Each structure stands twice: as C-alpha cells, then as structure tokens.
Amino acid sequence: MSGYDLGLERSPDDEILKRARTDDAVVVTADHDVPRLVYLARNEFPGLLLLRLKVPSADESILRVRETLERLGTQEWRNRIVVVESDKIRINEVPLP
C-alpha cells in the first residue's frame, strides 16, 4: 500500500513515521531525510527501506525493492534501516537508548 492509498501523500515525514509505528509497517522511501528522523527519534521502529539509486526509474525502483525483499526474506526489520543502492544493500541498526 502506498502513502497515496493511505491518504498520506502530502503528509509530513514525522506523520508518516508515526503511522508506520501504529500500523507496524516498514516504510519504503527515497527521501534521505527520513533515516535521520528515525535515528534522532531513537524509538522502536518497524523498519525502513531507503532507495539510493543514481538515476532511479520507477521500474528500477520496483525491481530493487522486490530483489531486496526476496533476498532478506522475513529477516527481522525492526529497528533497521536497509539502504538499497544500485550495486549493494547495507543494513544499519538504529541505536535505542
């Protein structure tokens, strides 16, 4: 489901993150400000997939998200930021107090 489907297409990032916590949903984004907000909040979080593609097309973005989900499977996403680049995937844990 997209932010558009949920009525969040024009919502501030912090509102989207709050909804993700409420719904226990992983956020998929290309917005580089979102990981910073997750790190600064230092709260439990369902997970974040950040797309960092050089010149992303919709098709490439969808393909990389699918590949990442297949590769990681049901791995625990909680409190992790998964950074997807054109040639690699990095997984970072969000430090909690």
C-alpha atoms as a PDB file:
ATOM      1  CA  MET A   1       0.000   0.000   0.000  1.00  0.00           C
ATOM      2  CA  SER A   2       1.332   3.471  -0.811  1.00  0.00           C
ATOM      3  CA  GLY A   3       1.151   6.764   1.041  1.00  0.00           C
ATOM      4  CA  TYR A   4      -1.327   7.795  -1.618  1.00  0.00           C
ATOM      5  CA  ASP A   5      -3.542   4.797  -0.834  1.00  0.00           C
ATOM      6  CA  LEU A   6      -3.438   5.692   2.855  1.00  0.00           C
ATOM      7  CA  GLY A   7      -4.145   9.391   2.298  1.00  0.00           C
ATOM      8  CA  LEU A   8      -0.590  10.321   3.368  1.00  0.00           C
ATOM      9  CA  GLU A   9       0.787  11.555   0.027  1.00  0.00           C
ATOM     10  CA  ARG A  10       1.202  15.150   1.278  1.00  0.00           C
ATOM     11  CA  SER A  11       1.844  14.342   4.927  1.00  0.00           C
ATOM     12  CA  PRO A  12       4.999  15.402   6.757  1.00  0.00           C
ATOM     13  CA  ASP A  13       7.639  12.710   7.258  1.00  0.00           C
ATOM     14  CA  ASP A  14       7.073  12.533  11.006  1.00  0.00           C
ATOM     15  CA  GLU A  15       3.364  11.822  10.445  1.00  0.00           C
ATOM     16  CA  ILE A  16       4.214   9.007   8.009  1.00  0.00           C
ATOM     17  CA  LEU A  17       6.656   7.525  10.534  1.00  0.00           C
ATOM     18  CA  LYS A  18       4.044   7.736  13.279  1.00  0.00           C
ATOM     19  CA  ARG A  19       1.565   5.876  11.070  1.00  0.00           C
ATOM     20  CA  ALA A  20       4.195   3.221  10.291  1.00  0.00           C
ATOM     21  CA  ARG A  21       4.694   2.652  14.017  1.00  0.00           C
ATOM     22  CA  THR A  22       0.924   2.435  14.575  1.00  0.00           C
ATOM     23  CA  ASP A  23       0.431   0.005  11.668  1.00  0.00           C
ATOM     24  CA  ASP A  24       3.729  -1.840  12.349  1.00  0.00           C
ATOM     25  CA  ALA A  25       4.667  -1.274   8.693  1.00  0.00           C
ATOM     26  CA  VAL A  26       8.071  -0.958   7.034  1.00  0.00           C
ATOM     27  CA  VAL A  27       8.485   2.368   5.210  1.00  0.00           C
ATOM     28  CA  VAL A  28       9.927   2.388   1.678  1.00  0.00           C
ATOM     29  CA  THR A  29      11.295   5.774   0.618  1.00  0.00           C
ATOM     30  CA  ALA A  30      13.885   7.599  -1.467  1.00  0.00           C
ATOM     31  CA  ASP A  31      13.743  10.629   0.850  1.00  0.00           C
ATOM     32  CA  HIS A  32      17.147  10.913   2.546  1.00  0.00           C
ATOM     33  CA  ASP A  33      15.691  12.952   5.425  1.00  0.00           C
ATOM     34  CA  VAL A  34      13.621  10.037   6.727  1.00  0.00           C
ATOM     35  CA  PRO A  35      16.517   7.929   8.111  1.00  0.00           C
ATOM     36  CA  ARG A  36      17.761  10.953  10.039  1.00  0.00           C
ATOM     37  CA  LEU A  37      14.350  11.323  11.684  1.00  0.00           C
ATOM     38  CA  VAL A  38      14.334   7.622  12.594  1.00  0.00           C
ATOM     39  CA  TYR A  39      17.829   7.858  14.126  1.00  0.00           C
ATOM     40  CA  LEU A  40      17.013  11.033  16.060  1.00  0.00           C
ATOM     41  CA  ALA A  41      13.766   9.627  17.475  1.00  0.00           C
ATOM     42  CA  ARG A  42      15.561   6.587  18.965  1.00  0.00           C
ATOM     43  CA  ASN A  43      12.220   4.794  19.358  1.00  0.00           C
ATOM     44  CA  GLU A  44      11.205   1.286  18.402  1.00  0.00           C
ATOM     45  CA  PHE A  45      10.514   1.300  14.667  1.00  0.00           C
ATOM     46  CA  PRO A  46       9.158  -1.379  12.280  1.00  0.00           C
ATOM     47  CA  GLY A  47      11.889  -0.771   9.690  1.00  0.00           C
ATOM     48  CA  LEU A  48      12.879   1.414   6.764  1.00  0.00           C
ATOM     49  CA  LEU A  49      13.971   0.614   3.219  1.00  0.00           C
ATOM     50  CA  LEU A  50      15.830   3.586   1.719  1.00  0.00           C
ATOM     51  CA  LEU A  51      16.363   3.640  -2.042  1.00  0.00           C
ATOM     52  CA  ARG A  52      19.621   5.366  -3.019  1.00  0.00           C
ATOM     53  CA  LEU A  53      19.673   4.758  -6.746  1.00  0.00           C
ATOM     54  CA  LYS A  54      21.716   7.054  -9.022  1.00  0.00           C
ATOM     55  CA  VAL A  55      19.026   7.807 -11.598  1.00  0.00           C
ATOM     56  CA  PRO A  56      16.028   5.807 -10.465  1.00  0.00           C
ATOM     57  CA  SER A  57      13.237   4.945 -12.802  1.00  0.00           C
ATOM     58  CA  ALA A  58      10.004   3.544 -11.449  1.00  0.00           C
ATOM     59  CA  ASP A  59      10.846   0.153 -12.979  1.00  0.00           C
ATOM     60  CA  GLU A  60      14.323   0.037 -11.422  1.00  0.00           C
ATOM     61  CA  SER A  61      12.971   1.127  -8.046  1.00  0.00           C
ATOM     62  CA  ILE A  62      10.316  -1.607  -8.067  1.00  0.00           C
ATOM     63  CA  LEU A  63      12.862  -4.201  -9.203  1.00  0.00           C
ATOM     64  CA  ARG A  64      15.361  -3.274  -6.449  1.00  0.00           C
ATOM     65  CA  VAL A  65      12.640  -3.320  -3.757  1.00  0.00           C
ATOM     66  CA  ARG A  66      11.493  -6.769  -4.929  1.00  0.00           C
ATOM     67  CA  GLU A  67      15.073  -8.082  -5.042  1.00  0.00           C
ATOM     68  CA  THR A  68      15.720  -6.762  -1.553  1.00  0.00           C
ATOM     69  CA  LEU A  69      12.568  -8.305  -0.113  1.00  0.00           C
ATOM     70  CA  GLU A  70      13.394 -11.651  -1.772  1.00  0.00           C
ATOM     71  CA  ARG A  71      16.999 -11.528  -0.563  1.00  0.00           C
ATOM     72  CA  LEU A  72      16.198 -10.570   3.001  1.00  0.00           C
ATOM     73  CA  GLY A  73      13.002 -12.591   3.201  1.00  0.00           C
ATOM     74  CA  THR A  74      11.383 -12.432   6.587  1.00  0.00           C
ATOM     75  CA  GLN A  75      14.525 -11.175   8.271  1.00  0.00           C
ATOM     76  CA  GLU A  76      13.721  -9.042  11.265  1.00  0.00           C
ATOM     77  CA  TRP A  77      13.316  -5.470  10.016  1.00  0.00           C
ATOM     78  CA  ARG A  78      12.575  -3.924  13.401  1.00  0.00           C
ATOM     79  CA  ASN A  79      14.911  -1.016  14.233  1.00  0.00           C
ATOM     80  CA  ARG A  80      16.850  -1.441  10.997  1.00  0.00           C
ATOM     81  CA  ILE A  81      17.407   0.819   8.031  1.00  0.00           C
ATOM     82  CA  VAL A  82      18.080  -1.114   4.838  1.00  0.00           C
ATOM     83  CA  VAL A  83      19.863   1.055   2.270  1.00  0.00           C
ATOM     84  CA  VAL A  84      19.460  -0.175  -1.303  1.00  0.00           C
ATOM     85  CA  GLU A  85      21.942   1.139  -3.843  1.00  0.00           C
ATOM     86  CA  SER A  86      22.355   0.119  -7.480  1.00  0.00           C
ATOM     87  CA  ASP A  87      25.101  -2.375  -6.642  1.00  0.00           C
ATOM     88  CA  LYS A  88      24.718  -3.229  -2.952  1.00  0.00           C
ATOM     89  CA  ILE A  89      22.499  -3.432   0.112  1.00  0.00           C
ATOM     90  CA  ARG A  90      23.535  -2.218   3.561  1.00  0.00           C
ATOM     91  CA  ILE A  91      21.718  -2.882   6.805  1.00  0.00           C
ATOM     92  CA  ASN A  92      22.095  -0.415   9.684  1.00  0.00           C
ATOM     93  CA  GLU A  93      20.663  -0.830  13.165  1.00  0.00           C
ATOM     94  CA  VAL A  94      19.001   2.145  14.780  1.00  0.00           C
ATOM     95  CA  PRO A  95      20.510   2.600  18.255  1.00  0.00           C
ATOM     96  CA  LEU A  96      17.970   2.632  21.041  1.00  0.00           C
ATOM     97  CA  PRO A  97      18.503   4.253  24.439  1.00  0.00           C
END
